[in-house]
């Protein structure tokens, strides 16, 4: 599971780095890329194997120090994304001031960590000796900045959620709730640091509850960020599947019309094999088949009236139209002049593209059943 998460983060970073290389002056994109890069780099340091490897080389507690500095950078760049998205000189000046703040916090907690023996700094948050002022300052200072940056990012997220529509608004509200819960968890942990620094004891179940809140809030934030994109992809996949199905259902009608009127067949835009499965290729072939079927019906319509029949074939039911198509298709082109003018066929009552496709599919299904 850990490997899959790290692989997903690495893939996201690679994609954002590629986008950044194509738009190097896009400040919001740069902030998102650096945010993901900082988070991805810090993730292995939180794992026992990664932390022990760094500590073996650089001394106990080094991995924890680097991880916390990277977390500070993660939330700073997340906050910068919203500041740069405001697209104003005031926002850019604010981002530069925030850079000074995060740099001061990072230097301060680094000095605090390096001023104590490595053995003292080796413990986790729940086991560290908070009566040592440097340890308490390390955890408390980092936690307070995380609380501040997450709260600001959550406020901006909620602001954008109020201006957005679904499904983006739903995802933004979930992300805002996740950021707010993370800020709350950081604030509570800062209170724990103060209590333990003063010699008090925080029950382990209480600390475990706050740690659980932090995990849930992170998951809620991740779900909120990915929700609009995931929903859009699901919708796109459903449309892809439906158009592939409709394309195949139109085959009987298309084959009949293309044999009678070969000139209706349009030239394919691509002959590549993988184009059959790509979304763009599927949609293009789907729309081309609709156009070809419509052109074929126009060309064949003059030949569908029975002898002596003086009615429009516009309103023929799909089953009747299918019978006449199959019966009269071989007469197309055998006469010098068409017996009558072309008329629209299989025209839906509703004036929209989906109704038009449903009408063509009904005729095609009738042809298949009568074969």
Protein backbone atom coordinates (compact mmCIF):
# COMPACT_ATOMS: atom_id res chain seq x y z
CA UNK A 1 0.00 0.00 0.00
CA UNK A 2 2.83 2.39 0.89
CA UNK A 3 4.53 1.63 -2.41
CA UNK A 4 1.33 2.38 -4.34
CA UNK A 5 0.86 5.72 -2.56
CA UNK A 6 4.47 6.69 -3.24
CA UNK A 7 4.14 5.61 -6.88
CA UNK A 8 0.96 7.69 -7.26
CA UNK A 9 2.66 10.73 -5.74
CA UNK A 10 5.69 10.28 -7.98
CA UNK A 11 3.45 10.04 -11.06
CA UNK A 12 1.60 13.21 -10.02
CA UNK A 13 4.89 15.05 -9.50
CA UNK A 14 6.22 13.90 -12.88
CA UNK A 15 3.06 15.11 -14.61
CA UNK A 16 3.15 18.49 -12.87
CA UNK A 17 6.85 18.92 -13.66
CA UNK A 18 6.03 18.28 -17.32
CA UNK A 19 3.23 20.87 -17.21
CA UNK A 20 5.51 23.34 -15.45
CA UNK A 21 8.18 22.86 -18.12
CA UNK A 22 5.61 23.87 -20.74
CA UNK A 23 4.42 26.90 -18.73
CA UNK A 24 7.41 28.02 -16.61
CA UNK A 25 5.86 31.41 -15.79
CA UNK A 26 2.60 30.00 -14.42
CA UNK A 27 2.88 30.86 -10.72
CA UNK A 28 -0.12 28.80 -9.47
CA UNK A 29 1.11 25.74 -11.41
CA UNK A 30 4.59 26.24 -9.98
CA UNK A 31 3.16 26.34 -6.46
CA UNK A 32 1.15 23.14 -6.96
CA UNK A 33 4.19 21.38 -8.41
CA UNK A 34 6.46 22.39 -5.54
CA UNK A 35 3.75 21.48 -3.03
CA UNK A 36 3.48 17.96 -4.47
CA UNK A 37 7.26 17.67 -4.73
CA UNK A 38 7.73 18.62 -1.08
CA UNK A 39 4.98 16.23 0.06
CA UNK A 40 6.37 13.38 -2.04
CA UNK A 41 9.90 13.92 -0.76
CA UNK A 42 8.73 14.01 2.86
CA UNK A 43 6.64 10.84 2.57
CA UNK A 44 9.54 8.30 2.56
CA UNK A 45 11.12 10.08 5.54
CA UNK A 46 8.00 9.34 7.59
CA UNK A 47 8.41 5.61 6.93
CA UNK A 48 10.60 3.57 9.35
CA UNK A 49 12.89 2.35 6.58
CA UNK A 50 13.50 5.77 5.05
CA UNK A 51 13.96 7.47 8.42
CA UNK A 52 16.42 4.85 9.70
CA UNK A 53 18.49 5.10 6.51
CA UNK A 54 18.86 8.88 6.78
CA UNK A 55 19.47 8.72 10.54
CA UNK A 56 22.19 6.12 10.06
CA UNK A 57 24.07 8.43 7.72
CA UNK A 58 23.39 11.83 9.28
CA UNK A 59 22.54 11.02 12.90
CA UNK A 60 19.35 10.34 14.86
CA UNK A 61 16.54 12.81 14.30
CA UNK A 62 17.84 14.14 10.97
CA UNK A 63 15.07 12.45 9.01
CA UNK A 64 12.47 13.94 11.34
CA UNK A 65 13.95 17.41 10.98
CA UNK A 66 14.04 17.21 7.18
CA UNK A 67 10.52 15.80 7.10
CA UNK A 68 9.13 18.65 9.20
CA UNK A 69 10.88 21.28 7.09
CA UNK A 70 9.42 19.66 3.96
CA UNK A 71 5.96 19.68 5.56
CA UNK A 72 6.36 23.41 6.26
CA UNK A 73 7.24 23.93 2.60
CA UNK A 74 4.27 21.77 1.53
CA UNK A 75 1.71 23.90 3.33
CA UNK A 76 3.52 27.10 2.32
CA UNK A 77 3.31 26.25 -1.38
CA UNK A 78 -0.30 25.17 -0.91
CA UNK A 79 -1.06 28.59 0.54
CA UNK A 80 0.90 30.23 -2.30
CA UNK A 81 -1.29 28.49 -4.85
CA UNK A 82 -4.30 30.42 -3.57
CA UNK A 83 -2.34 33.65 -3.22
CA UNK A 84 -1.04 33.49 -6.79
CA UNK A 85 -4.46 32.47 -8.07
CA UNK A 86 -5.76 35.82 -6.82
CA UNK A 87 -3.51 37.27 -9.57
CA UNK A 88 -2.69 40.57 -8.01
CA UNK A 89 0.44 42.43 -6.98
CA UNK A 90 -0.76 42.44 -3.38
CA UNK A 91 -1.06 38.64 -3.46
CA UNK A 92 2.45 38.32 -4.85
CA UNK A 93 3.87 40.59 -2.14
CA UNK A 94 1.98 38.53 0.44
CA UNK A 95 3.55 35.35 -0.95
CA UNK A 96 7.02 36.85 -0.59
CA UNK A 97 6.31 37.86 3.01
CA UNK A 98 5.04 34.38 3.75
CA UNK A 99 8.29 32.99 2.32
CA UNK A 100 10.22 35.00 4.91
CA UNK A 101 7.97 33.65 7.67
CA UNK A 102 8.35 29.99 6.69
CA UNK A 103 12.11 30.46 6.32
CA UNK A 104 12.34 31.90 9.86
CA UNK A 105 10.25 29.05 11.28
CA UNK A 106 12.37 26.45 9.45
CA UNK A 107 15.61 27.99 10.73
CA UNK A 108 14.23 28.25 14.27
CA UNK A 109 13.14 24.61 14.53
CA UNK A 110 16.42 23.52 12.92
CA UNK A 111 18.43 25.42 15.53
CA UNK A 112 16.23 23.91 18.28
CA UNK A 113 16.75 20.39 16.92
CA UNK A 114 20.52 20.77 16.56
CA UNK A 115 20.93 22.21 20.06
CA UNK A 116 20.03 18.94 21.79
CA UNK A 117 21.77 15.55 21.68
CA UNK A 118 20.66 13.22 18.90
CA UNK A 119 19.47 10.62 21.38
CA UNK A 120 17.03 13.09 22.99
CA UNK A 121 15.60 14.09 19.62
CA UNK A 122 15.10 10.51 18.41
CA UNK A 123 11.62 9.98 19.90
CA UNK A 124 8.27 10.51 18.18
CA UNK A 125 5.68 13.14 19.08
CA UNK A 126 3.98 10.84 21.59
CA UNK A 127 7.24 9.69 23.26
CA UNK A 128 9.40 12.83 23.06
CA UNK A 129 10.42 14.54 26.32
CA UNK A 130 8.53 17.81 26.02
CA UNK A 131 9.99 19.13 29.28
CA UNK A 132 13.10 19.93 27.25
CA UNK A 133 12.41 23.41 25.89
CA UNK A 134 14.10 22.82 22.54
CA UNK A 135 12.00 19.71 21.87
CA UNK A 136 8.81 21.50 22.90
CA UNK A 137 9.71 24.47 20.67
CA UNK A 138 10.47 22.16 17.74
CA UNK A 139 7.08 20.44 17.84
CA UNK A 140 5.14 23.50 18.99
CA UNK A 141 6.65 25.93 16.49
CA UNK A 142 6.20 23.60 13.53
CA UNK A 143 2.66 22.75 14.65
CA UNK A 144 1.61 26.38 15.03
CA UNK A 145 2.87 27.28 11.55
CA UNK A 146 1.14 24.25 10.07
CA UNK A 147 -2.06 25.35 11.81
CA UNK A 148 -1.74 28.88 10.43
CA UNK A 149 -0.96 27.87 6.84
CA UNK A 150 -3.66 25.18 6.74
CA UNK A 151 -6.25 27.58 8.16
CA UNK A 152 -5.41 30.20 5.50
CA UNK A 153 -5.55 27.58 2.74
CA UNK A 154 -8.87 26.32 4.11
CA UNK A 155 -10.30 29.84 4.13
CA UNK A 156 -9.30 30.37 0.50
CA UNK A 157 -10.72 26.98 -0.46
CA UNK A 158 -14.06 27.83 1.15
CA UNK A 159 -14.08 31.17 -0.65
CA UNK A 160 -13.60 29.49 -4.02
CA UNK A 161 -16.21 26.86 -3.11
CA UNK A 162 -18.83 29.59 -2.62
CA UNK A 163 -18.06 30.94 -6.10
CA UNK A 164 -18.08 27.53 -7.82
CA UNK A 165 -20.76 25.19 -9.08
CA UNK A 166 -21.12 21.47 -8.66
CA UNK A 167 -19.23 19.19 -8.87
CA UNK A 168 -16.29 21.54 -8.26
CA UNK A 169 -18.03 23.19 -5.33
CA UNK A 170 -18.63 19.81 -3.66
CA UNK A 171 -14.96 18.87 -3.96
CA UNK A 172 -13.81 22.28 -2.73
CA UNK A 173 -16.07 22.13 0.31
CA UNK A 174 -14.68 18.69 1.19
CA UNK A 175 -11.14 19.99 0.73
CA UNK A 176 -11.92 23.03 2.88
CA UNK A 177 -13.35 20.80 5.62
CA UNK A 178 -10.24 18.61 5.46
CA UNK A 179 -7.92 21.62 5.71
CA UNK A 180 -9.94 23.02 8.60
CA UNK A 181 -9.82 19.70 10.45
CA UNK A 182 -6.05 19.48 9.87
CA UNK A 183 -5.61 23.00 11.26
CA UNK A 184 -7.71 22.04 14.28
CA UNK A 185 -5.65 18.89 14.87
CA UNK A 186 -2.43 20.94 14.70
CA UNK A 187 -3.86 23.44 17.19
CA UNK A 188 -4.81 20.68 19.62
CA UNK A 189 -1.35 19.12 19.30
CA UNK A 190 0.16 22.52 20.11
CA UNK A 191 -1.93 22.56 23.30
CA UNK A 192 -0.63 19.08 24.10
CA UNK A 193 2.93 20.37 23.69
CA UNK A 194 2.24 23.21 26.12
CA UNK A 195 0.72 20.83 28.69
CA UNK A 196 3.60 18.37 28.47
CA UNK A 197 6.19 21.17 28.54
CA UNK A 198 4.71 22.28 31.85
CA UNK A 199 5.06 18.77 33.25
CA UNK A 200 1.49 17.63 32.65
CA UNK A 201 0.42 14.32 31.10
CA UNK A 202 -1.86 13.90 28.13
CA UNK A 203 -3.65 10.52 28.09
CA UNK A 204 -2.56 8.29 25.25
CA UNK A 205 -6.14 7.68 24.01
CA UNK A 206 -6.61 11.44 23.65
CA UNK A 207 -3.44 11.77 21.55
CA UNK A 208 -4.51 8.76 19.49
CA UNK A 209 -7.88 10.41 18.84
CA UNK A 210 -6.20 13.57 17.56
CA UNK A 211 -3.88 11.48 15.38
CA UNK A 212 -6.95 9.72 13.96
CA UNK A 213 -8.58 13.11 13.28
CA UNK A 214 -5.45 14.16 11.40
CA UNK A 215 -5.52 11.04 9.24
CA UNK A 216 -9.24 11.44 8.47
CA UNK A 217 -8.80 15.12 7.62
CA UNK A 218 -5.95 14.32 5.22
CA UNK A 219 -8.09 11.69 3.51
CA UNK A 220 -11.01 14.14 3.31
CA UNK A 221 -8.75 16.75 1.73
CA UNK A 222 -7.39 14.26 -0.81
CA UNK A 223 -10.92 13.09 -1.70
CA UNK A 224 -12.08 16.68 -2.07
CA UNK A 225 -9.19 17.58 -4.36
CA UNK A 226 -9.66 14.50 -6.55
CA UNK A 227 -13.49 14.42 -6.53
CA UNK A 228 -14.19 16.82 -9.44
CA UNK A 229 -11.54 15.23 -11.63
CA UNK A 230 -12.60 11.69 -10.75
CA UNK A 231 -16.25 12.49 -11.41
CA UNK A 232 -15.35 14.10 -14.73
CA UNK A 233 -13.33 11.02 -15.72
CA UNK A 234 -16.17 8.69 -14.76
CA UNK A 235 -18.58 10.76 -16.85
CA UNK A 236 -16.12 10.71 -19.75
CA UNK A 237 -15.73 6.93 -19.52
CA UNK A 238 -19.51 6.43 -19.46
CA UNK A 239 -19.84 8.65 -22.55
CA UNK A 240 -17.01 6.73 -24.25
CA UNK A 241 -18.71 3.39 -23.55
CA UNK A 242 -22.12 4.63 -24.69
CA UNK A 243 -20.78 6.03 -27.95
CA UNK A 244 -18.86 2.83 -28.68
CA UNK A 245 -22.10 0.89 -28.13
CA UNK A 246 -24.12 3.28 -30.30
CA UNK A 247 -21.45 3.15 -33.00
CA UNK A 248 -21.78 -0.63 -33.18
CA UNK A 249 -25.60 -0.45 -33.12
CA UNK A 250 -25.53 1.84 -36.15
CA UNK A 251 -23.51 -0.71 -38.14
CA UNK A 252 -26.47 -2.44 -39.93
CA UNK A 253 -27.85 0.88 -41.18
CA UNK A 254 -24.42 2.16 -42.13
CA UNK A 255 -23.49 -1.00 -44.04
CA UNK A 256 -26.72 -0.92 -46.04
CA UNK A 257 -26.36 2.76 -46.92
CA UNK A 258 -22.63 2.62 -47.68
CA UNK A 259 -23.16 -0.27 -50.11
CA UNK A 260 -25.90 1.64 -51.91
CA UNK A 261 -24.13 5.01 -51.79
CA UNK A 262 -20.35 4.50 -51.40
CA UNK A 263 -19.70 8.21 -51.80
CA UNK A 264 -21.14 8.91 -48.33
CA UNK A 265 -18.18 7.23 -46.60
CA UNK A 266 -15.86 9.92 -45.31
CA UNK A 267 -12.12 9.57 -45.23
CA UNK A 268 -10.84 8.45 -41.76
CA UNK A 269 -8.82 11.05 -39.91
CA UNK A 270 -6.37 8.42 -38.66
CA UNK A 271 -5.44 4.85 -39.57
CA UNK A 272 -3.52 4.12 -36.38
CA UNK A 273 -4.59 1.00 -34.51
CA UNK A 274 -4.69 2.60 -31.07
CA UNK A 275 -6.98 5.36 -32.38
CA UNK A 276 -9.82 2.82 -32.15
CA UNK A 277 -9.57 2.92 -28.35
CA UNK A 278 -8.58 6.52 -27.67
CA UNK A 279 -11.44 8.73 -26.52
CA UNK A 280 -10.85 11.26 -29.29
CA UNK A 281 -10.83 8.52 -31.93
CA UNK A 282 -14.03 6.93 -30.60
CA UNK A 283 -15.89 10.24 -30.55
CA UNK A 284 -14.65 11.16 -34.01
CA UNK A 285 -15.74 7.83 -35.55
CA UNK A 286 -19.08 8.08 -33.73
CA UNK A 287 -19.89 11.52 -35.16
CA UNK A 288 -18.62 10.49 -38.61
CA UNK A 289 -20.93 7.49 -38.67
CA UNK A 290 -23.93 9.68 -37.78
CA UNK A 291 -23.11 12.08 -40.61
CA UNK A 292 -22.64 9.20 -43.05
CA UNK A 293 -25.96 7.62 -42.08
CA UNK A 294 -27.75 10.94 -42.46
CA UNK A 295 -26.16 11.57 -45.88
CA UNK A 296 -27.08 8.07 -46.98
CA UNK A 297 -30.71 8.46 -45.97
CA UNK A 298 -30.93 11.71 -47.92
CA UNK A 299 -29.47 10.05 -51.02
CA UNK A 300 -31.71 7.00 -50.85
CA UNK A 301 -34.92 8.80 -49.84
CA UNK A 302 -36.13 9.45 -53.45
CA UNK A 303 -36.29 5.69 -54.10
CA UNK A 304 -38.38 4.66 -51.11
CA UNK A 305 -41.87 5.68 -52.24
CA UNK A 306 -44.00 2.86 -53.62
CA UNK A 307 -45.44 3.11 -57.11
CA UNK A 308 -48.32 5.54 -57.22
CA UNK A 309 -47.72 6.59 -53.63
CA UNK A 310 -48.13 10.30 -53.18
CA UNK A 311 -47.16 10.68 -49.54
CA UNK A 312 -44.16 11.94 -47.68
CA UNK A 313 -42.01 9.18 -46.18
CA UNK A 314 -40.95 11.60 -43.47
CA UNK A 315 -43.12 10.00 -40.80
CA UNK A 316 -42.54 6.33 -41.51
CA UNK A 317 -42.04 4.25 -38.36
CA UNK A 318 -38.54 2.73 -37.94
CA UNK A 319 -39.75 -0.83 -38.77
CA UNK A 320 -41.52 0.30 -41.97
CA UNK A 321 -38.58 2.46 -43.00
CA UNK A 322 -36.22 -0.48 -42.44
CA UNK A 323 -38.36 -2.70 -44.69
CA UNK A 324 -38.38 -0.13 -47.49
CA UNK A 325 -34.66 0.45 -47.18
CA UNK A 326 -33.91 -3.25 -47.55
CA UNK A 327 -36.42 -3.64 -50.39
CA UNK A 328 -35.41 -0.62 -52.47
CA UNK A 329 -31.70 -0.29 -51.74
CA UNK A 330 -30.72 -2.11 -54.94
CA UNK A 331 -32.60 0.38 -57.15
CA UNK A 332 -30.34 3.27 -56.15
CA UNK A 333 -28.33 4.54 -59.10
CA UNK A 334 -30.03 2.27 -61.67
CA UNK A 335 -32.17 5.13 -62.95
CA UNK A 336 -30.75 8.14 -64.67
CA UNK A 337 -32.91 10.46 -62.62
CA UNK A 338 -34.31 9.98 -59.17
CA UNK A 339 -38.10 9.47 -59.25
CA UNK A 340 -38.70 12.27 -56.75
CA UNK A 341 -36.92 14.87 -54.68
CA UNK A 342 -35.01 13.95 -51.54
CA UNK A 343 -36.91 14.21 -48.27
CA UNK A 344 -35.72 13.93 -44.66
CA UNK A 345 -36.07 10.47 -43.10
CA UNK A 346 -36.15 9.27 -39.49
CA UNK A 347 -36.43 12.81 -38.16
CA UNK A 348 -37.08 12.93 -34.40
CA UNK A 349 -39.75 15.07 -32.84
CA UNK A 350 -37.22 16.62 -30.45
CA UNK A 351 -34.73 19.02 -31.98
CA UNK A 352 -31.54 17.73 -30.37
CA UNK A 353 -28.62 15.49 -31.33
CA UNK A 354 -29.39 12.69 -28.86
CA UNK A 355 -32.93 12.29 -30.19
CA UNK A 356 -31.55 12.20 -33.73
CA UNK A 357 -29.13 9.40 -32.78
CA UNK A 358 -31.90 7.45 -31.04
CA UNK A 359 -34.00 7.63 -34.21
CA UNK A 360 -31.13 6.32 -36.35
CA UNK A 361 -30.45 3.53 -33.86
CA UNK A 362 -34.13 2.52 -33.94
CA UNK A 363 -33.95 2.12 -37.73
CA UNK A 364 -30.66 0.26 -37.48
CA UNK A 365 -32.04 -2.11 -34.82
CA UNK A 366 -35.07 -2.78 -37.02
CA UNK A 367 -32.73 -3.66 -39.90
CA UNK A 368 -30.78 -6.05 -37.73
CA UNK A 369 -33.94 -7.78 -36.49
CA UNK A 370 -35.30 -8.15 -40.02
CA UNK A 371 -32.07 -9.62 -41.38
